[in-house]
Structures are given as structure tokens and as C-alpha cells.
Amino acid sequence: MPPINETEICAYVAGLIDGEGYFAVIRNKSEWLKTHTKRGYCDNISLTICNMNKELLVSVQHILKRGDIVTHRRPNKPPSFTLRFYPNALRVILPKIIPYLLLKKRQAQLMLSLLNIRQKHMKKKLKDEEFHNMLEKFRAEFERSHIHESS
């Protein structure tokens, strides 16, 4: 079998994301955050690919050299697995796979935009209020995109 090139890898991963993946912006509100941050919460950004076949996810993790695998055990059911990517990995992966996404292209584009906005904010090129206004606009558009694509 000939070696697999980067284009084929990106297209394959895009297919997995279209079929088994989801993008998430989850607002975390813990007691610690309430006392140690101005807003009292933080937004966690991730891409998760779910599958019952751990070897598949390990292969993708190995090829991309990124991501964390979590095992989910449920009573009387076989385990399931998730491969999760966080912001630093997403900044590298998304530009490569966006051209090959069919169903979740808009969500991936929005996610990459949010990551870029967040990076500017962390470098203090955006004021807190400016960043949070943009984040709320992103969340609203992301929700519209997610609802539209899943129907």
C-alpha cells in the first residue's frame, strides 16, 4: 500500500468529523471561577470525535500527534470513546481540514474565527468587553449553524 499523503489524511479526518464529531463551546461556572475571575465563568472550546472503536481514534490521534482519548463506561453496555481536541490543537488542525468538510464546514470556520479572536484577547489586543461581545455573537451564530445543520 502506498504511503498516505497529508491531503488524504485531512480528507479522512474531515469525514470522521462530519459523521462522528461535534464542536462545542461550553460555559463552565464553578465556585472557584466565581471567586477567581471577573465574570465568574470560562468558556471551554473543543472538538470531539466519538466512536466505539478505540483503535480508530488512537490511529487518528497518532497521525495528528494531538488530542486526548477518554473512555466512557456504561452499565450493561460496551464502552465508548472520545477523542478531544482543545484550542492549541484546533488552531493547527482546522485550517487543514476545513476545505474537506461537507456538513460541519460552517461550524469549523466559526470555531477557527473564535479561536483567533480569543488569541487576540489573550494578547491584550482586544478589551474584555469587546471580546465578550464578539463571543456572544459567535455563540448565537454557532447555535443557529448547529441547529440548521442537524435538521
C-alpha atoms as a PDB file:
ATOM      1  CA  MET A   1       0.000   0.000   0.000  1.00  0.00           C
ATOM      2  CA  PRO A   2       1.448   3.415  -0.955  1.00  0.00           C
ATOM      3  CA  PRO A   3       2.073   5.944   1.831  1.00  0.00           C
ATOM      4  CA  ILE A   4      -0.859   8.168   2.712  1.00  0.00           C
ATOM      5  CA  ASN A   5      -0.296  11.839   1.942  1.00  0.00           C
ATOM      6  CA  GLU A   6      -1.449  14.813   4.038  1.00  0.00           C
ATOM      7  CA  THR A   7      -4.367  15.603   1.705  1.00  0.00           C
ATOM      8  CA  GLU A   8      -5.786  12.095   2.153  1.00  0.00           C
ATOM      9  CA  ILE A   9      -5.328  12.300   5.930  1.00  0.00           C
ATOM     10  CA  CYS A  10      -7.086  15.660   6.121  1.00  0.00           C
ATOM     11  CA  ALA A  11      -9.975  14.423   3.964  1.00  0.00           C
ATOM     12  CA  TYR A  12     -10.325  11.271   6.095  1.00  0.00           C
ATOM     13  CA  VAL A  13     -10.327  13.227   9.377  1.00  0.00           C
ATOM     14  CA  ALA A  14     -12.858  15.669   7.889  1.00  0.00           C
ATOM     15  CA  GLY A  15     -15.121  12.722   7.068  1.00  0.00           C
ATOM     16  CA  LEU A  16     -14.846  11.469  10.656  1.00  0.00           C
ATOM     17  CA  ILE A  17     -15.724  14.915  11.979  1.00  0.00           C
ATOM     18  CA  ASP A  18     -18.691  15.257   9.608  1.00  0.00           C
ATOM     19  CA  GLY A  19     -20.012  11.865  10.726  1.00  0.00           C
ATOM     20  CA  GLU A  20     -18.902  11.365  14.311  1.00  0.00           C
ATOM     21  CA  GLY A  21     -17.693  14.753  15.557  1.00  0.00           C
ATOM     22  CA  TYR A  22     -19.054  17.848  17.213  1.00  0.00           C
ATOM     23  CA  PHE A  23     -17.780  21.306  18.024  1.00  0.00           C
ATOM     24  CA  ALA A  24     -18.534  22.733  21.451  1.00  0.00           C
ATOM     25  CA  VAL A  25     -18.243  25.960  23.384  1.00  0.00           C
ATOM     26  CA  ILE A  26     -19.162  25.003  26.934  1.00  0.00           C
ATOM     27  CA  ARG A  27     -19.565  27.609  29.646  1.00  0.00           C
ATOM     28  CA  ASN A  28     -18.018  26.389  32.895  1.00  0.00           C
ATOM     29  CA  LYS A  29     -19.288  28.017  36.094  1.00  0.00           C
ATOM     30  CA  SER A  30     -17.527  26.602  39.127  1.00  0.00           C
ATOM     31  CA  GLU A  31     -17.217  28.038  42.616  1.00  0.00           C
ATOM     32  CA  TRP A  32     -13.501  28.583  42.024  1.00  0.00           C
ATOM     33  CA  LEU A  33     -14.198  30.561  38.837  1.00  0.00           C
ATOM     34  CA  LYS A  34     -16.821  32.657  40.619  1.00  0.00           C
ATOM     35  CA  THR A  35     -14.226  33.835  43.115  1.00  0.00           C
ATOM     36  CA  HIS A  36     -11.128  33.956  40.896  1.00  0.00           C
ATOM     37  CA  THR A  37     -12.343  35.509  37.646  1.00  0.00           C
ATOM     38  CA  LYS A  38     -14.080  38.785  36.799  1.00  0.00           C
ATOM     39  CA  ARG A  39     -17.001  37.100  35.037  1.00  0.00           C
ATOM     40  CA  GLY A  40     -17.276  34.043  37.241  1.00  0.00           C
ATOM     41  CA  TYR A  41     -17.052  31.565  34.346  1.00  0.00           C
ATOM     42  CA  CYS A  42     -14.878  30.471  31.443  1.00  0.00           C
ATOM     43  CA  ASP A  43     -15.719  29.127  28.000  1.00  0.00           C
ATOM     44  CA  ASN A  44     -14.123  25.809  27.050  1.00  0.00           C
ATOM     45  CA  ILE A  45     -13.676  25.292  23.310  1.00  0.00           C
ATOM     46  CA  SER A  46     -13.245  21.812  21.861  1.00  0.00           C
ATOM     47  CA  LEU A  47     -13.794  19.384  19.018  1.00  0.00           C
ATOM     48  CA  THR A  48     -14.804  15.853  19.965  1.00  0.00           C
ATOM     49  CA  ILE A  49     -14.958  12.735  17.796  1.00  0.00           C
ATOM     50  CA  CYS A  50     -16.948   9.853  19.310  1.00  0.00           C
ATOM     51  CA  ASN A  51     -16.665   6.207  18.334  1.00  0.00           C
ATOM     52  CA  MET A  52     -16.996   2.696  19.727  1.00  0.00           C
ATOM     53  CA  ASN A  53     -13.718   1.693  18.076  1.00  0.00           C
ATOM     54  CA  LYS A  54     -10.821   2.872  20.227  1.00  0.00           C
ATOM     55  CA  GLU A  55      -8.201   1.740  17.707  1.00  0.00           C
ATOM     56  CA  LEU A  56      -9.648   4.109  15.102  1.00  0.00           C
ATOM     57  CA  LEU A  57      -9.352   7.069  17.485  1.00  0.00           C
ATOM     58  CA  VAL A  58      -5.857   6.029  18.577  1.00  0.00           C
ATOM     59  CA  SER A  59      -4.826   5.937  14.903  1.00  0.00           C
ATOM     60  CA  VAL A  60      -6.191   9.442  14.295  1.00  0.00           C
ATOM     61  CA  GLN A  61      -4.506  10.692  17.479  1.00  0.00           C
ATOM     62  CA  HIS A  62      -1.222   9.131  16.370  1.00  0.00           C
ATOM     63  CA  ILE A  63      -1.427  10.568  12.835  1.00  0.00           C
ATOM     64  CA  LEU A  64      -2.320  14.082  14.031  1.00  0.00           C
ATOM     65  CA  LYS A  65       0.017  13.899  17.042  1.00  0.00           C
ATOM     66  CA  ARG A  66      -2.680  15.672  19.055  1.00  0.00           C
ATOM     67  CA  GLY A  67      -5.778  15.019  21.123  1.00  0.00           C
ATOM     68  CA  ASP A  68      -6.821  13.197  24.280  1.00  0.00           C
ATOM     69  CA  ILE A  69      -8.820   9.949  24.361  1.00  0.00           C
ATOM     70  CA  VAL A  70     -11.378   9.366  27.095  1.00  0.00           C
ATOM     71  CA  THR A  71     -13.130   6.057  27.788  1.00  0.00           C
ATOM     72  CA  HIS A  72     -16.804   6.146  28.785  1.00  0.00           C
ATOM     73  CA  ARG A  73     -18.032   3.083  30.644  1.00  0.00           C
ATOM     74  CA  ARG A  74     -21.763   2.495  30.974  1.00  0.00           C
ATOM     75  CA  PRO A  75     -23.564  -0.268  32.863  1.00  0.00           C
ATOM     76  CA  ASN A  76     -24.563  -3.202  30.659  1.00  0.00           C
ATOM     77  CA  LYS A  77     -23.198  -1.535  27.511  1.00  0.00           C
ATOM     78  CA  PRO A  78     -19.872  -1.680  25.715  1.00  0.00           C
ATOM     79  CA  PRO A  79     -17.535   1.247  26.356  1.00  0.00           C
ATOM     80  CA  SER A  80     -17.447   4.210  24.010  1.00  0.00           C
ATOM     81  CA  PHE A  81     -14.522   6.509  23.347  1.00  0.00           C
ATOM     82  CA  THR A  82     -13.990  10.167  22.584  1.00  0.00           C
ATOM     83  CA  LEU A  83     -11.014  11.878  21.008  1.00  0.00           C
ATOM     84  CA  ARG A  84     -10.993  15.504  22.102  1.00  0.00           C
ATOM     85  CA  PHE A  85      -9.023  18.422  20.684  1.00  0.00           C
ATOM     86  CA  TYR A  86      -8.556  21.711  22.537  1.00  0.00           C
ATOM     87  CA  PRO A  87      -7.673  25.223  21.263  1.00  0.00           C
ATOM     88  CA  ASN A  88      -3.944  24.817  20.568  1.00  0.00           C
ATOM     89  CA  ALA A  89      -4.543  21.639  18.560  1.00  0.00           C
ATOM     90  CA  LEU A  90      -7.559  23.157  16.796  1.00  0.00           C
ATOM     91  CA  ARG A  91      -5.522  26.133  15.583  1.00  0.00           C
ATOM     92  CA  VAL A  92      -3.280  23.659  13.733  1.00  0.00           C
ATOM     93  CA  ILE A  93      -5.883  21.089  12.611  1.00  0.00           C
ATOM     94  CA  LEU A  94      -8.821  23.229  11.468  1.00  0.00           C
ATOM     95  CA  PRO A  95      -7.113  25.176   8.645  1.00  0.00           C
ATOM     96  CA  LYS A  96      -6.010  21.852   7.141  1.00  0.00           C
ATOM     97  CA  ILE A  97      -9.382  20.077   7.308  1.00  0.00           C
ATOM     98  CA  ILE A  98     -11.886  22.889   6.641  1.00  0.00           C
ATOM     99  CA  PRO A  99     -11.558  22.520   2.840  1.00  0.00           C
ATOM    100  CA  TYR A 100     -12.689  18.867   3.101  1.00  0.00           C
ATOM    101  CA  LEU A 101     -15.608  19.269   5.493  1.00  0.00           C
ATOM    102  CA  LEU A 102     -19.053  18.986   3.947  1.00  0.00           C
ATOM    103  CA  LEU A 103     -21.582  19.074   6.785  1.00  0.00           C
ATOM    104  CA  LYS A 104     -19.722  20.959   9.501  1.00  0.00           C
ATOM    105  CA  LYS A 105     -17.666  23.403   7.442  1.00  0.00           C
ATOM    106  CA  ARG A 106     -19.505  26.497   8.752  1.00  0.00           C
ATOM    107  CA  GLN A 107     -19.125  25.367  12.374  1.00  0.00           C
ATOM    108  CA  ALA A 108     -15.399  24.760  11.842  1.00  0.00           C
ATOM    109  CA  GLN A 109     -14.970  28.196  10.244  1.00  0.00           C
ATOM    110  CA  LEU A 110     -16.784  29.832  13.167  1.00  0.00           C
ATOM    111  CA  MET A 111     -14.691  27.865  15.658  1.00  0.00           C
ATOM    112  CA  LEU A 112     -11.452  28.951  13.988  1.00  0.00           C
ATOM    113  CA  SER A 113     -12.635  32.583  13.997  1.00  0.00           C
ATOM    114  CA  LEU A 114     -13.426  32.343  17.691  1.00  0.00           C
ATOM    115  CA  LEU A 115     -10.009  30.862  18.423  1.00  0.00           C
ATOM    116  CA  ASN A 116      -8.345  33.735  16.566  1.00  0.00           C
ATOM    117  CA  ILE A 117     -10.441  36.297  18.449  1.00  0.00           C
ATOM    118  CA  ARG A 118      -9.626  34.596  21.733  1.00  0.00           C
ATOM    119  CA  GLN A 119      -5.906  34.612  20.942  1.00  0.00           C
ATOM    120  CA  LYS A 120      -6.006  38.372  20.241  1.00  0.00           C
ATOM    121  CA  HIS A 121      -7.837  38.879  23.537  1.00  0.00           C
ATOM    122  CA  MET A 122      -5.234  36.886  25.441  1.00  0.00           C
ATOM    123  CA  LYS A 123      -2.501  39.036  23.906  1.00  0.00           C
ATOM    124  CA  LYS A 124      -4.478  42.058  25.140  1.00  0.00           C
ATOM    125  CA  LYS A 125      -5.177  43.340  21.639  1.00  0.00           C
ATOM    126  CA  LEU A 126      -8.904  43.250  22.442  1.00  0.00           C
ATOM    127  CA  LYS A 127     -10.537  44.695  25.541  1.00  0.00           C
ATOM    128  CA  ASP A 128     -12.565  42.331  27.760  1.00  0.00           C
ATOM    129  CA  GLU A 129     -15.881  43.897  26.803  1.00  0.00           C
ATOM    130  CA  GLU A 130     -15.038  43.778  23.099  1.00  0.00           C
ATOM    131  CA  PHE A 131     -14.059  40.124  23.370  1.00  0.00           C
ATOM    132  CA  HIS A 132     -17.172  39.094  25.279  1.00  0.00           C
ATOM    133  CA  ASN A 133     -19.461  40.923  22.848  1.00  0.00           C
ATOM    134  CA  MET A 134     -17.803  39.041  19.988  1.00  0.00           C
ATOM    135  CA  LEU A 135     -18.044  35.777  21.921  1.00  0.00           C
ATOM    136  CA  GLU A 136     -21.792  36.218  22.444  1.00  0.00           C
ATOM    137  CA  LYS A 137     -22.273  36.953  18.731  1.00  0.00           C
ATOM    138  CA  PHE A 138     -20.259  33.843  17.927  1.00  0.00           C
ATOM    139  CA  ARG A 139     -22.300  31.682  20.309  1.00  0.00           C
ATOM    140  CA  ALA A 140     -25.564  32.879  18.732  1.00  0.00           C
ATOM    141  CA  GLU A 141     -24.326  32.240  15.171  1.00  0.00           C
ATOM    142  CA  PHE A 142     -22.821  28.910  16.182  1.00  0.00           C
ATOM    143  CA  GLU A 143     -26.149  27.803  17.681  1.00  0.00           C
ATOM    144  CA  ARG A 144     -28.005  28.836  14.512  1.00  0.00           C
ATOM    145  CA  SER A 145     -25.456  26.963  12.410  1.00  0.00           C
ATOM    146  CA  HIS A 146     -25.666  23.865  14.614  1.00  0.00           C
ATOM    147  CA  ILE A 147     -29.475  23.780  14.573  1.00  0.00           C
ATOM    148  CA  HIS A 148     -29.618  24.333  10.804  1.00  0.00           C
ATOM    149  CA  GLU A 149     -27.062  21.624  10.004  1.00  0.00           C
ATOM    150  CA  SER A 150     -28.560  18.965  12.256  1.00  0.00           C
ATOM    151  CA  SER A 151     -32.108  19.279  10.876  1.00  0.00           C
END
